[in-house]
């Protein structure tokens, strides 16, 4: 029988999130049922429920940074058992047979596209998927990752399922590591993870911020140098020197200021998704030194597991502030003002305690 679920949902772009009930699907042979312990709060959640990216399906139950414990498995599942600690990120399905899916790059699924953990097309029940602002979730086993961190760190692990993999994937793809000079633009939910991960990979990390009061924080996160990007002289001192720049800023801004910092064949990869497009960069800043601008979403499931294991081995987690689900609208308001260091995480016990 479908299992009743408690959640918080937005009924429209202008409605606050409020209690909502729905039914999760029957457990299929390749499914895992997960009791959700913690769910991170991503800026994508806010963009979606407010309809800022378009295409939001209501009611909307956001949440794709999920950590929980397995409560049941389907008959064909061998990778997980009841009691295991697991995570679910931004996707819960894909076609499974296109070249990208076969390569373990489900985020680039070439036929149906990947199915988002929320606001995606539910292939089993019809309608759309509901995310992690809920008490439990049922997910196909290949889209479940194993958590190897200590249980005391579980809340701070949750943001790794989006912020962690979103920054890890491009750093790995563009081979951040020893001997490489890597810039991280923005010190927020994504940027703070980018600094931690790039430093752990062995790169020389330079953090860029518009806020002088974030300099010491950036150094504590692992940055070897910090540049206030409004300081023209400090920026000029790094011209033509970066192998790679990870730009995490989700607000439209002038990309030229960072393009000129790339050395020959350097790449700046954008992982922040602004509400409005960035101004078009100067073509000569690309032509000269054969520089490139790229984009990167999340990683595939193999890479997601690799990232989680990498972080567990090195004791890397997100810097978080725990909240109750009942305070989600206050958290959203603070998030729009960048008033969090650096990721909100919902303690889902607060949902389960509701009558």
C-alpha atoms as a PDB file:
ATOM      1  CA  UNK A   1       0.000   0.000   0.000  1.00  0.00           C
ATOM      2  CA  UNK A   2       1.213   3.570  -0.640  1.00  0.00           C
ATOM      3  CA  UNK A   3       2.593   5.063   2.567  1.00  0.00           C
ATOM      4  CA  UNK A   4       1.210   8.360   3.902  1.00  0.00           C
ATOM      5  CA  UNK A   5       3.824  11.114   4.129  1.00  0.00           C
ATOM      6  CA  UNK A   6       3.962  14.351   6.095  1.00  0.00           C
ATOM      7  CA  UNK A   7       5.650  17.335   4.478  1.00  0.00           C
ATOM      8  CA  UNK A   8       5.784  21.080   4.038  1.00  0.00           C
ATOM      9  CA  UNK A   9       4.703  22.415   0.652  1.00  0.00           C
ATOM     10  CA  UNK A  10       4.042  25.645  -1.212  1.00  0.00           C
ATOM     11  CA  UNK A  11       0.651  25.732  -2.923  1.00  0.00           C
ATOM     12  CA  UNK A  12       1.577  28.657  -5.169  1.00  0.00           C
ATOM     13  CA  UNK A  13       4.446  31.049  -5.888  1.00  0.00           C
ATOM     14  CA  UNK A  14       3.126  33.483  -3.292  1.00  0.00           C
ATOM     15  CA  UNK A  15       2.016  31.028  -0.616  1.00  0.00           C
ATOM     16  CA  UNK A  16       4.248  30.258   2.381  1.00  0.00           C
ATOM     17  CA  UNK A  17       5.265  26.669   2.947  1.00  0.00           C
ATOM     18  CA  UNK A  18       2.771  24.891   5.184  1.00  0.00           C
ATOM     19  CA  UNK A  19       1.929  21.345   6.351  1.00  0.00           C
ATOM     20  CA  UNK A  20       0.943  19.007   3.522  1.00  0.00           C
ATOM     21  CA  UNK A  21       0.104  15.315   3.296  1.00  0.00           C
ATOM     22  CA  UNK A  22       0.481  12.981   0.335  1.00  0.00           C
ATOM     23  CA  UNK A  23       1.262   9.311  -0.422  1.00  0.00           C
ATOM     24  CA  UNK A  24       4.643   7.864  -1.341  1.00  0.00           C
ATOM     25  CA  UNK A  25       4.598   4.980  -3.812  1.00  0.00           C
ATOM     26  CA  UNK A  26       4.550   1.282  -3.018  1.00  0.00           C
ATOM     27  CA  UNK A  27       8.015  -0.192  -2.578  1.00  0.00           C
ATOM     28  CA  UNK A  28       9.126  -1.572  -5.952  1.00  0.00           C
ATOM     29  CA  UNK A  29      11.689  -4.415  -6.220  1.00  0.00           C
ATOM     30  CA  UNK A  30      14.569  -1.968  -6.808  1.00  0.00           C
ATOM     31  CA  UNK A  31      13.410   0.675  -4.302  1.00  0.00           C
ATOM     32  CA  UNK A  32      14.780   1.867  -0.977  1.00  0.00           C
ATOM     33  CA  UNK A  33      12.531   3.493   1.640  1.00  0.00           C
ATOM     34  CA  UNK A  34      14.310   6.099   3.750  1.00  0.00           C
ATOM     35  CA  UNK A  35      13.346   7.789   7.001  1.00  0.00           C
ATOM     36  CA  UNK A  36      14.569  11.364   6.486  1.00  0.00           C
ATOM     37  CA  UNK A  37      16.643  12.671   9.383  1.00  0.00           C
ATOM     38  CA  UNK A  38      17.971  15.910   7.900  1.00  0.00           C
ATOM     39  CA  UNK A  39      17.387  17.945   4.761  1.00  0.00           C
ATOM     40  CA  UNK A  40      19.556  20.829   3.616  1.00  0.00           C
ATOM     41  CA  UNK A  41      18.039  24.053   2.326  1.00  0.00           C
ATOM     42  CA  UNK A  42      19.334  24.945  -1.140  1.00  0.00           C
ATOM     43  CA  UNK A  43      18.771  28.272  -2.902  1.00  0.00           C
ATOM     44  CA  UNK A  44      17.194  26.162  -5.674  1.00  0.00           C
ATOM     45  CA  UNK A  45      14.415  25.324  -3.219  1.00  0.00           C
ATOM     46  CA  UNK A  46      13.577  28.993  -2.864  1.00  0.00           C
ATOM     47  CA  UNK A  47      13.839  29.703  -6.606  1.00  0.00           C
ATOM     48  CA  UNK A  48      11.490  26.790  -7.301  1.00  0.00           C
ATOM     49  CA  UNK A  49       8.772  27.412  -4.736  1.00  0.00           C
ATOM     50  CA  UNK A  50       8.684  31.119  -5.656  1.00  0.00           C
ATOM     51  CA  UNK A  51       8.401  30.249  -9.351  1.00  0.00           C
ATOM     52  CA  UNK A  52      11.494  32.302 -10.210  1.00  0.00           C
ATOM     53  CA  UNK A  53      12.813  29.808 -12.748  1.00  0.00           C
ATOM     54  CA  UNK A  54       9.428  29.045 -14.272  1.00  0.00           C
ATOM     55  CA  UNK A  55       7.833  25.623 -14.656  1.00  0.00           C
ATOM     56  CA  UNK A  56       7.156  24.998 -10.974  1.00  0.00           C
ATOM     57  CA  UNK A  57       4.506  22.349 -10.367  1.00  0.00           C
ATOM     58  CA  UNK A  58       2.329  22.918  -7.308  1.00  0.00           C
ATOM     59  CA  UNK A  59       1.977  21.809  -4.634  1.00  0.00           C
ATOM     60  CA  UNK A  60       5.758  21.967  -4.391  1.00  0.00           C
ATOM     61  CA  UNK A  61       7.642  19.988  -1.728  1.00  0.00           C
ATOM     62  CA  UNK A  62      11.280  21.012  -2.145  1.00  0.00           C
ATOM     63  CA  UNK A  63      14.443  19.488  -0.686  1.00  0.00           C
ATOM     64  CA  UNK A  64      17.250  17.575  -2.425  1.00  0.00           C
ATOM     65  CA  UNK A  65      19.958  17.388   0.227  1.00  0.00           C
ATOM     66  CA  UNK A  66      18.633  14.368   2.090  1.00  0.00           C
ATOM     67  CA  UNK A  67      20.271  12.226   4.750  1.00  0.00           C
ATOM     68  CA  UNK A  68      18.377   9.411   6.411  1.00  0.00           C
ATOM     69  CA  UNK A  69      18.186   5.791   7.495  1.00  0.00           C
ATOM     70  CA  UNK A  70      16.929   2.870   5.410  1.00  0.00           C
ATOM     71  CA  UNK A  71      13.672   1.427   6.749  1.00  0.00           C
ATOM     72  CA  UNK A  72      12.866  -1.065   3.976  1.00  0.00           C
ATOM     73  CA  UNK A  73      14.305  -2.365   0.712  1.00  0.00           C
ATOM     74  CA  UNK A  74      12.762  -4.014  -2.334  1.00  0.00           C
ATOM     75  CA  UNK A  75      13.355  -7.665  -3.126  1.00  0.00           C
ATOM     76  CA  UNK A  76      16.014  -6.983  -5.766  1.00  0.00           C
ATOM     77  CA  UNK A  77      18.092  -4.546  -3.665  1.00  0.00           C
ATOM     78  CA  UNK A  78      21.468  -5.900  -2.549  1.00  0.00           C
ATOM     79  CA  UNK A  79      23.490  -2.734  -1.969  1.00  0.00           C
ATOM     80  CA  UNK A  80      21.548  -1.517   1.054  1.00  0.00           C
ATOM     81  CA  UNK A  81      19.963  -2.997   4.156  1.00  0.00           C
ATOM     82  CA  UNK A  82      17.587  -1.762   6.823  1.00  0.00           C
ATOM     83  CA  UNK A  83      19.454   0.546   9.211  1.00  0.00           C
ATOM     84  CA  UNK A  84      22.004   1.843   6.695  1.00  0.00           C
ATOM     85  CA  UNK A  85      22.742   5.571   6.649  1.00  0.00           C
ATOM     86  CA  UNK A  86      22.197   6.936   3.156  1.00  0.00           C
ATOM     87  CA  UNK A  87      21.790  10.111   1.150  1.00  0.00           C
ATOM     88  CA  UNK A  88      19.659  11.288  -1.767  1.00  0.00           C
ATOM     89  CA  UNK A  89      20.650  14.268  -3.876  1.00  0.00           C
ATOM     90  CA  UNK A  90      19.141  16.197  -6.749  1.00  0.00           C
ATOM     91  CA  UNK A  91      17.896  13.316  -8.892  1.00  0.00           C
ATOM     92  CA  UNK A  92      15.900  10.150  -8.364  1.00  0.00           C
ATOM     93  CA  UNK A  93      15.713   8.647 -11.861  1.00  0.00           C
ATOM     94  CA  UNK A  94      16.903   8.832 -15.469  1.00  0.00           C
ATOM     95  CA  UNK A  95      16.392   6.789 -18.627  1.00  0.00           C
ATOM     96  CA  UNK A  96      19.227   4.411 -17.678  1.00  0.00           C
ATOM     97  CA  UNK A  97      20.158   3.466 -21.249  1.00  0.00           C
ATOM     98  CA  UNK A  98      21.515   6.517 -23.112  1.00  0.00           C
ATOM     99  CA  UNK A  99      25.293   7.035 -23.518  1.00  0.00           C
ATOM    100  CA  UNK A 100      25.439   9.491 -20.608  1.00  0.00           C
ATOM    101  CA  UNK A 101      23.570   7.165 -18.247  1.00  0.00           C
ATOM    102  CA  UNK A 102      25.803   4.253 -19.275  1.00  0.00           C
ATOM    103  CA  UNK A 103      28.827   6.459 -18.541  1.00  0.00           C
ATOM    104  CA  UNK A 104      27.555   7.143 -15.017  1.00  0.00           C
ATOM    105  CA  UNK A 105      26.685  10.731 -15.950  1.00  0.00           C
ATOM    106  CA  UNK A 106      22.957  10.536 -15.287  1.00  0.00           C
ATOM    107  CA  UNK A 107      22.804  14.287 -14.782  1.00  0.00           C
ATOM    108  CA  UNK A 108      23.231  14.593 -18.563  1.00  0.00           C
ATOM    109  CA  UNK A 109      20.570  11.992 -19.462  1.00  0.00           C
ATOM    110  CA  UNK A 110      19.982  12.471 -23.192  1.00  0.00           C
ATOM    111  CA  UNK A 111      16.474  11.097 -23.586  1.00  0.00           C
ATOM    112  CA  UNK A 112      14.130  11.923 -20.718  1.00  0.00           C
ATOM    113  CA  UNK A 113      16.610  14.070 -18.804  1.00  0.00           C
ATOM    114  CA  UNK A 114      17.185  13.214 -15.164  1.00  0.00           C
ATOM    115  CA  UNK A 115      14.161  13.212 -12.868  1.00  0.00           C
ATOM    116  CA  UNK A 116      14.548  15.816 -10.158  1.00  0.00           C
ATOM    117  CA  UNK A 117      14.010  14.805  -6.555  1.00  0.00           C
ATOM    118  CA  UNK A 118      11.281  17.413  -6.582  1.00  0.00           C
ATOM    119  CA  UNK A 119       9.380  19.103  -9.418  1.00  0.00           C
ATOM    120  CA  UNK A 120      10.279  16.215 -11.741  1.00  0.00           C
ATOM    121  CA  UNK A 121       8.024  13.910 -13.714  1.00  0.00           C
ATOM    122  CA  UNK A 122       7.076  11.002 -11.475  1.00  0.00           C
ATOM    123  CA  UNK A 123       7.403   7.930 -13.711  1.00  0.00           C
ATOM    124  CA  UNK A 124       5.600   5.641 -11.284  1.00  0.00           C
ATOM    125  CA  UNK A 125       2.670   7.591  -9.861  1.00  0.00           C
ATOM    126  CA  UNK A 126       2.323  10.214 -12.554  1.00  0.00           C
ATOM    127  CA  UNK A 127       2.212  13.872 -11.626  1.00  0.00           C
ATOM    128  CA  UNK A 128       5.408  15.277 -10.149  1.00  0.00           C
ATOM    129  CA  UNK A 129       7.967  14.305  -7.541  1.00  0.00           C
ATOM    130  CA  UNK A 130       7.991  15.536  -3.957  1.00  0.00           C
ATOM    131  CA  UNK A 131      11.293  16.205  -2.195  1.00  0.00           C
ATOM    132  CA  UNK A 132      12.962  16.029   1.168  1.00  0.00           C
ATOM    133  CA  UNK A 133      10.944  18.496   3.242  1.00  0.00           C
ATOM    134  CA  UNK A 134       9.071  15.363   4.270  1.00  0.00           C
ATOM    135  CA  UNK A 135       9.315  12.565   6.793  1.00  0.00           C
ATOM    136  CA  UNK A 136      10.347   9.811   4.352  1.00  0.00           C
ATOM    137  CA  UNK A 137      11.082   9.102   0.716  1.00  0.00           C
ATOM    138  CA  UNK A 138      11.091   6.094  -1.616  1.00  0.00           C
ATOM    139  CA  UNK A 139      13.899   6.074  -4.197  1.00  0.00           C
ATOM    140  CA  UNK A 140      15.312   3.675  -6.800  1.00  0.00           C
ATOM    141  CA  UNK A 141      18.414   2.109  -5.269  1.00  0.00           C
ATOM    142  CA  UNK A 142      20.885   3.334  -7.927  1.00  0.00           C
ATOM    143  CA  UNK A 143      20.049   6.916  -6.917  1.00  0.00           C
ATOM    144  CA  UNK A 144      20.851   6.309  -3.264  1.00  0.00           C
ATOM    145  CA  UNK A 145      24.354   6.956  -1.893  1.00  0.00           C
ATOM    146  CA  UNK A 146      26.016   5.449   1.164  1.00  0.00           C
ATOM    147  CA  UNK A 147      26.984   7.768   4.024  1.00  0.00           C
ATOM    148  CA  UNK A 148      30.230   6.844   5.819  1.00  0.00           C
ATOM    149  CA  UNK A 149      30.575   9.905   8.064  1.00  0.00           C
ATOM    150  CA  UNK A 150      30.117   9.599  11.827  1.00  0.00           C
ATOM    151  CA  UNK A 151      26.503   9.834  12.949  1.00  0.00           C
ATOM    152  CA  UNK A 152      27.257  13.020  14.895  1.00  0.00           C
ATOM    153  CA  UNK A 153      28.050  14.731  11.574  1.00  0.00           C
ATOM    154  CA  UNK A 154      24.943  13.668   9.665  1.00  0.00           C
ATOM    155  CA  UNK A 155      23.226  17.060   9.658  1.00  0.00           C
ATOM    156  CA  UNK A 156      26.350  18.702   8.226  1.00  0.00           C
ATOM    157  CA  UNK A 157      26.626  15.951   5.598  1.00  0.00           C
ATOM    158  CA  UNK A 158      23.224  16.776   4.075  1.00  0.00           C
ATOM    159  CA  UNK A 159      24.427  19.791   2.017  1.00  0.00           C
ATOM    160  CA  UNK A 160      27.098  17.613   0.418  1.00  0.00           C
ATOM    161  CA  UNK A 161      24.313  16.006  -1.628  1.00  0.00           C
ATOM    162  CA  UNK A 162      23.935  19.235  -3.639  1.00  0.00           C
ATOM    163  CA  UNK A 163      26.427  21.932  -2.636  1.00  0.00           C
ATOM    164  CA  UNK A 164      29.157  19.329  -2.202  1.00  0.00           C
ATOM    165  CA  UNK A 165      28.745  17.524  -5.514  1.00  0.00           C
ATOM    166  CA  UNK A 166      28.029  20.755  -7.426  1.00  0.00           C
ATOM    167  CA  UNK A 167      31.486  22.049  -6.485  1.00  0.00           C
ATOM    168  CA  UNK A 168      33.353  18.720  -6.379  1.00  0.00           C
ATOM    169  CA  UNK A 169      32.357  17.692  -9.912  1.00  0.00           C
ATOM    170  CA  UNK A 170      33.920  20.656 -11.782  1.00  0.00           C
ATOM    171  CA  UNK A 171      36.982  20.670  -9.535  1.00  0.00           C
ATOM    172  CA  UNK A 172      37.569  17.013 -10.447  1.00  0.00           C
ATOM    173  CA  UNK A 173      36.732  17.465 -14.122  1.00  0.00           C
ATOM    174  CA  UNK A 174      39.152  20.377 -14.553  1.00  0.00           C
ATOM    175  CA  UNK A 175      41.750  18.561 -12.444  1.00  0.00           C
ATOM    176  CA  UNK A 176      42.181  20.828  -9.465  1.00  0.00           C
ATOM    177  CA  UNK A 177      45.081  19.564  -7.424  1.00  0.00           C
ATOM    178  CA  UNK A 178      48.765  20.034  -6.558  1.00  0.00           C
ATOM    179  CA  UNK A 179      50.485  22.583  -8.749  1.00  0.00           C
ATOM    180  CA  UNK A 180      47.202  24.209  -9.795  1.00  0.00           C
ATOM    181  CA  UNK A 181      46.070  27.703  -8.845  1.00  0.00           C
ATOM    182  CA  UNK A 182      42.324  27.663  -8.283  1.00  0.00           C
ATOM    183  CA  UNK A 183      40.034  30.603  -7.623  1.00  0.00           C
ATOM    184  CA  UNK A 184      36.669  30.340  -5.891  1.00  0.00           C
ATOM    185  CA  UNK A 185      34.322  33.267  -6.445  1.00  0.00           C
ATOM    186  CA  UNK A 186      31.764  33.773  -3.693  1.00  0.00           C
ATOM    187  CA  UNK A 187      31.834  32.489  -0.125  1.00  0.00           C
ATOM    188  CA  UNK A 188      28.367  31.138   0.478  1.00  0.00           C
ATOM    189  CA  UNK A 189      26.586  27.796   0.438  1.00  0.00           C
ATOM    190  CA  UNK A 190      28.420  26.653  -2.703  1.00  0.00           C
ATOM    191  CA  UNK A 191      31.575  28.707  -2.347  1.00  0.00           C
ATOM    192  CA  UNK A 192      32.462  27.574   1.149  1.00  0.00           C
ATOM    193  CA  UNK A 193      32.336  23.972  -0.054  1.00  0.00           C
ATOM    194  CA  UNK A 194      34.399  24.856  -3.132  1.00  0.00           C
ATOM    195  CA  UNK A 195      37.142  26.286  -0.915  1.00  0.00           C
ATOM    196  CA  UNK A 196      37.179  23.249   1.378  1.00  0.00           C
ATOM    197  CA  UNK A 197      37.244  20.759  -1.484  1.00  0.00           C
ATOM    198  CA  UNK A 198      39.823  22.553  -3.649  1.00  0.00           C
ATOM    199  CA  UNK A 199      42.136  22.859  -0.651  1.00  0.00           C
ATOM    200  CA  UNK A 200      41.653  19.182   0.220  1.00  0.00           C
ATOM    201  CA  UNK A 201      42.567  18.266  -3.371  1.00  0.00           C
ATOM    202  CA  UNK A 202      45.899  20.035  -2.889  1.00  0.00           C
ATOM    203  CA  UNK A 203      45.361  23.124  -5.044  1.00  0.00           C
ATOM    204  CA  UNK A 204      46.544  26.618  -4.153  1.00  0.00           C
ATOM    205  CA  UNK A 205      43.203  28.258  -3.398  1.00  0.00           C
ATOM    206  CA  UNK A 206      42.388  31.936  -3.748  1.00  0.00           C
ATOM    207  CA  UNK A 207      38.948  33.027  -2.558  1.00  0.00           C
ATOM    208  CA  UNK A 208      37.197  36.071  -4.011  1.00  0.00           C
ATOM    209  CA  UNK A 209      34.623  38.021  -2.045  1.00  0.00           C
ATOM    210  CA  UNK A 210      32.987  41.427  -2.148  1.00  0.00           C
ATOM    211  CA  UNK A 211      32.930  41.463   1.652  1.00  0.00           C
ATOM    212  CA  UNK A 212      36.139  42.273   3.580  1.00  0.00           C
ATOM    213  CA  UNK A 213      34.526  40.815   6.699  1.00  0.00           C
ATOM    214  CA  UNK A 214      34.649  37.354   5.087  1.00  0.00           C
ATOM    215  CA  UNK A 215      38.443  37.310   4.705  1.00  0.00           C
ATOM    216  CA  UNK A 216      39.171  35.481   7.941  1.00  0.00           C
ATOM    217  CA  UNK A 217      36.308  33.059   7.394  1.00  0.00           C
ATOM    218  CA  UNK A 218      37.653  32.162   3.957  1.00  0.00           C
ATOM    219  CA  UNK A 219      41.087  31.456   5.403  1.00  0.00           C
ATOM    220  CA  UNK A 220      39.581  29.224   8.090  1.00  0.00           C
ATOM    221  CA  UNK A 221      37.779  27.303   5.324  1.00  0.00           C
ATOM    222  CA  UNK A 222      41.123  26.599   3.664  1.00  0.00           C
ATOM    223  CA  UNK A 223      41.852  29.497   1.300  1.00  0.00           C
ATOM    224  CA  UNK A 224      45.535  30.311   1.020  1.00  0.00           C
ATOM    225  CA  UNK A 225      44.761  33.845  -0.167  1.00  0.00           C
ATOM    226  CA  UNK A 226      41.659  36.031  -0.145  1.00  0.00           C
ATOM    227  CA  UNK A 227      41.002  38.867  -2.587  1.00  0.00           C
ATOM    228  CA  UNK A 228      38.331  41.523  -2.186  1.00  0.00           C
ATOM    229  CA  UNK A 229      37.059  41.670  -5.751  1.00  0.00           C
ATOM    230  CA  UNK A 230      36.164  45.360  -5.520  1.00  0.00           C
ATOM    231  CA  UNK A 231      39.874  46.150  -5.002  1.00  0.00           C
ATOM    232  CA  UNK A 232      41.153  46.757  -8.550  1.00  0.00           C
ATOM    233  CA  UNK A 233      44.809  46.678  -7.514  1.00  0.00           C
ATOM    234  CA  UNK A 234      44.430  43.364  -5.689  1.00  0.00           C
ATOM    235  CA  UNK A 235      42.626  41.873  -8.678  1.00  0.00           C
ATOM    236  CA  UNK A 236      45.263  43.101 -11.136  1.00  0.00           C
ATOM    237  CA  UNK A 237      47.979  41.418  -9.090  1.00  0.00           C
ATOM    238  CA  UNK A 238      46.498  38.033 -10.090  1.00  0.00           C
ATOM    239  CA  UNK A 239      46.129  38.701 -13.842  1.00  0.00           C
ATOM    240  CA  UNK A 240      46.895  35.761 -16.162  1.00  0.00           C
ATOM    241  CA  UNK A 241      47.670  33.390 -13.302  1.00  0.00           C
ATOM    242  CA  UNK A 242      44.767  30.998 -12.628  1.00  0.00           C
ATOM    243  CA  UNK A 243      44.440  27.517 -14.070  1.00  0.00           C
ATOM    244  CA  UNK A 244      40.816  27.300 -13.029  1.00  0.00           C
ATOM    245  CA  UNK A 245      38.168  29.525 -11.441  1.00  0.00           C
ATOM    246  CA  UNK A 246      35.018  28.131  -9.863  1.00  0.00           C
ATOM    247  CA  UNK A 247      32.383  30.861  -9.941  1.00  0.00           C
ATOM    248  CA  UNK A 248      29.620  30.093  -7.444  1.00  0.00           C
ATOM    249  CA  UNK A 249      27.828  33.451  -7.476  1.00  0.00           C
ATOM    250  CA  UNK A 250      24.097  33.160  -8.220  1.00  0.00           C
ATOM    251  CA  UNK A 251      23.612  36.847  -9.025  1.00  0.00           C
ATOM    252  CA  UNK A 252      24.229  38.346 -12.468  1.00  0.00           C
ATOM    253  CA  UNK A 253      27.628  40.085 -12.509  1.00  0.00           C
ATOM    254  CA  UNK A 254      30.489  41.151 -14.791  1.00  0.00           C
ATOM    255  CA  UNK A 255      32.455  38.042 -15.753  1.00  0.00           C
ATOM    256  CA  UNK A 256      35.250  40.024 -17.401  1.00  0.00           C
ATOM    257  CA  UNK A 257      36.849  40.880 -14.071  1.00  0.00           C
ATOM    258  CA  UNK A 258      37.574  37.179 -13.511  1.00  0.00           C
ATOM    259  CA  UNK A 259      38.212  36.109 -17.103  1.00  0.00           C
ATOM    260  CA  UNK A 260      41.341  38.263 -17.269  1.00  0.00           C
ATOM    261  CA  UNK A 261      42.732  36.406 -14.270  1.00  0.00           C
ATOM    262  CA  UNK A 262      42.896  33.125 -16.213  1.00  0.00           C
ATOM    263  CA  UNK A 263      46.183  32.026 -17.727  1.00  0.00           C
ATOM    264  CA  UNK A 264      46.417  30.569 -21.236  1.00  0.00           C
ATOM    265  CA  UNK A 265      43.887  27.738 -21.648  1.00  0.00           C
ATOM    266  CA  UNK A 266      42.372  28.522 -18.259  1.00  0.00           C
ATOM    267  CA  UNK A 267      38.682  27.897 -17.621  1.00  0.00           C
ATOM    268  CA  UNK A 268      36.105  29.630 -15.469  1.00  0.00           C
ATOM    269  CA  UNK A 269      33.193  27.335 -14.661  1.00  0.00           C
ATOM    270  CA  UNK A 270      29.852  28.739 -13.548  1.00  0.00           C
ATOM    271  CA  UNK A 271      27.833  26.724 -11.038  1.00  0.00           C
ATOM    272  CA  UNK A 272      25.567  29.476  -9.690  1.00  0.00           C
ATOM    273  CA  UNK A 273      22.268  29.967 -11.528  1.00  0.00           C
ATOM    274  CA  UNK A 274      21.205  33.629 -11.400  1.00  0.00           C
ATOM    275  CA  UNK A 275      17.628  34.761 -11.839  1.00  0.00           C
ATOM    276  CA  UNK A 276      18.763  37.059 -14.675  1.00  0.00           C
ATOM    277  CA  UNK A 277      21.527  36.383 -17.256  1.00  0.00           C
ATOM    278  CA  UNK A 278      25.080  37.603 -16.753  1.00  0.00           C
ATOM    279  CA  UNK A 279      26.110  40.505 -19.015  1.00  0.00           C
ATOM    280  CA  UNK A 280      27.860  39.110 -22.089  1.00  0.00           C
ATOM    281  CA  UNK A 281      31.645  39.019 -21.585  1.00  0.00           C
ATOM    282  CA  UNK A 282      34.110  40.802 -23.874  1.00  0.00           C
ATOM    283  CA  UNK A 283      34.981  38.389 -26.687  1.00  0.00           C
ATOM    284  CA  UNK A 284      38.612  39.511 -26.663  1.00  0.00           C
ATOM    285  CA  UNK A 285      38.977  38.331 -23.086  1.00  0.00           C
ATOM    286  CA  UNK A 286      38.130  34.865 -24.427  1.00  0.00           C
ATOM    287  CA  UNK A 287      40.136  35.025 -27.642  1.00  0.00           C
ATOM    288  CA  UNK A 288      43.262  36.175 -25.896  1.00  0.00           C
ATOM    289  CA  UNK A 289      44.971  33.290 -24.107  1.00  0.00           C
ATOM    290  CA  UNK A 290      42.343  30.833 -25.402  1.00  0.00           C
ATOM    291  CA  UNK A 291      40.308  31.193 -22.246  1.00  0.00           C
ATOM    292  CA  UNK A 292      37.004  29.404 -21.729  1.00  0.00           C
ATOM    293  CA  UNK A 293      33.758  29.852 -19.830  1.00  0.00           C
ATOM    294  CA  UNK A 294      31.996  26.621 -18.942  1.00  0.00           C
ATOM    295  CA  UNK A 295      29.053  25.468 -16.881  1.00  0.00           C
ATOM    296  CA  UNK A 296      28.600  22.456 -14.650  1.00  0.00           C
ATOM    297  CA  UNK A 297      25.568  21.006 -12.835  1.00  0.00           C
ATOM    298  CA  UNK A 298      25.704  18.233 -10.248  1.00  0.00           C
ATOM    299  CA  UNK A 299      27.667  15.006 -10.768  1.00  0.00           C
ATOM    300  CA  UNK A 300      26.478  11.497 -11.575  1.00  0.00           C
ATOM    301  CA  UNK A 301      25.878   8.872  -8.943  1.00  0.00           C
ATOM    302  CA  UNK A 302      29.340   7.294  -9.192  1.00  0.00           C
ATOM    303  CA  UNK A 303      30.942  10.690  -8.706  1.00  0.00           C
ATOM    304  CA  UNK A 304      28.513  11.564  -5.910  1.00  0.00           C
ATOM    305  CA  UNK A 305      29.579   8.455  -4.003  1.00  0.00           C
ATOM    306  CA  UNK A 306      33.223   9.296  -4.715  1.00  0.00           C
ATOM    307  CA  UNK A 307      32.673  12.786  -3.303  1.00  0.00           C
ATOM    308  CA  UNK A 308      30.987  11.489  -0.160  1.00  0.00           C
ATOM    309  CA  UNK A 309      33.808   8.994   0.439  1.00  0.00           C
ATOM    310  CA  UNK A 310      36.434  11.707  -0.208  1.00  0.00           C
ATOM    311  CA  UNK A 311      34.752  13.937   2.364  1.00  0.00           C
ATOM    312  CA  UNK A 312      34.309  11.145   4.908  1.00  0.00           C
ATOM    313  CA  UNK A 313      37.988  10.204   4.683  1.00  0.00           C
ATOM    314  CA  UNK A 314      39.023  13.819   5.299  1.00  0.00           C
ATOM    315  CA  UNK A 315      36.353  14.818   7.798  1.00  0.00           C
ATOM    316  CA  UNK A 316      34.835  17.381   5.427  1.00  0.00           C
ATOM    317  CA  UNK A 317      31.283  18.568   6.054  1.00  0.00           C
ATOM    318  CA  UNK A 318      29.330  21.753   5.392  1.00  0.00           C
ATOM    319  CA  UNK A 319      29.164  24.637   7.869  1.00  0.00           C
ATOM    320  CA  UNK A 320      25.532  24.657   8.894  1.00  0.00           C
ATOM    321  CA  UNK A 321      22.831  26.228  11.006  1.00  0.00           C
ATOM    322  CA  UNK A 322      20.116  23.821  12.131  1.00  0.00           C
ATOM    323  CA  UNK A 323      16.483  24.908  11.925  1.00  0.00           C
ATOM    324  CA  UNK A 324      13.010  23.504  12.542  1.00  0.00           C
ATOM    325  CA  UNK A 325      10.778  22.948   9.522  1.00  0.00           C
ATOM    326  CA  UNK A 326       8.335  25.418  11.082  1.00  0.00           C
ATOM    327  CA  UNK A 327      10.959  28.164  10.617  1.00  0.00           C
ATOM    328  CA  UNK A 328      11.569  27.572   6.907  1.00  0.00           C
ATOM    329  CA  UNK A 329      10.074  30.896   5.762  1.00  0.00           C
ATOM    330  CA  UNK A 330      12.342  32.791   8.178  1.00  0.00           C
ATOM    331  CA  UNK A 331      15.284  30.815   6.818  1.00  0.00           C
ATOM    332  CA  UNK A 332      14.313  31.712   3.248  1.00  0.00           C
ATOM    333  CA  UNK A 333      14.124  35.403   4.170  1.00  0.00           C
ATOM    334  CA  UNK A 334      17.560  35.231   5.761  1.00  0.00           C
ATOM    335  CA  UNK A 335      18.973  33.265   2.838  1.00  0.00           C
ATOM    336  CA  UNK A 336      18.013  36.026   0.395  1.00  0.00           C
ATOM    337  CA  UNK A 337      20.159  38.367   2.505  1.00  0.00           C
ATOM    338  CA  UNK A 338      23.062  35.859   2.670  1.00  0.00           C
ATOM    339  CA  UNK A 339      22.460  35.744   6.424  1.00  0.00           C
ATOM    340  CA  UNK A 340      23.662  32.188   7.020  1.00  0.00           C
ATOM    341  CA  UNK A 341      27.069  30.578   7.474  1.00  0.00           C
ATOM    342  CA  UNK A 342      26.766  28.757   5.245  1.00  0.00           C
ATOM    343  CA  UNK A 343      23.849  26.356   4.836  1.00  0.00           C
ATOM    344  CA  UNK A 344      20.568  25.840   6.656  1.00  0.00           C
ATOM    345  CA  UNK A 345      19.679  22.237   7.487  1.00  0.00           C
ATOM    346  CA  UNK A 346      16.238  21.140   8.656  1.00  0.00           C
ATOM    347  CA  UNK A 347      16.051  18.766  11.592  1.00  0.00           C
ATOM    348  CA  UNK A 348      13.190  16.599  10.352  1.00  0.00           C
ATOM    349  CA  UNK A 349      12.364  15.518  13.896  1.00  0.00           C
ATOM    350  CA  UNK A 350      10.568  18.875  14.048  1.00  0.00           C
ATOM    351  CA  UNK A 351       8.186  17.700  11.312  1.00  0.00           C
ATOM    352  CA  UNK A 352       7.620  14.323  12.884  1.00  0.00           C
ATOM    353  CA  UNK A 353       6.752  15.995  16.198  1.00  0.00           C
ATOM    354  CA  UNK A 354       3.788  17.815  14.627  1.00  0.00           C
ATOM    355  CA  UNK A 355       0.412  16.317  15.428  1.00  0.00           C
END
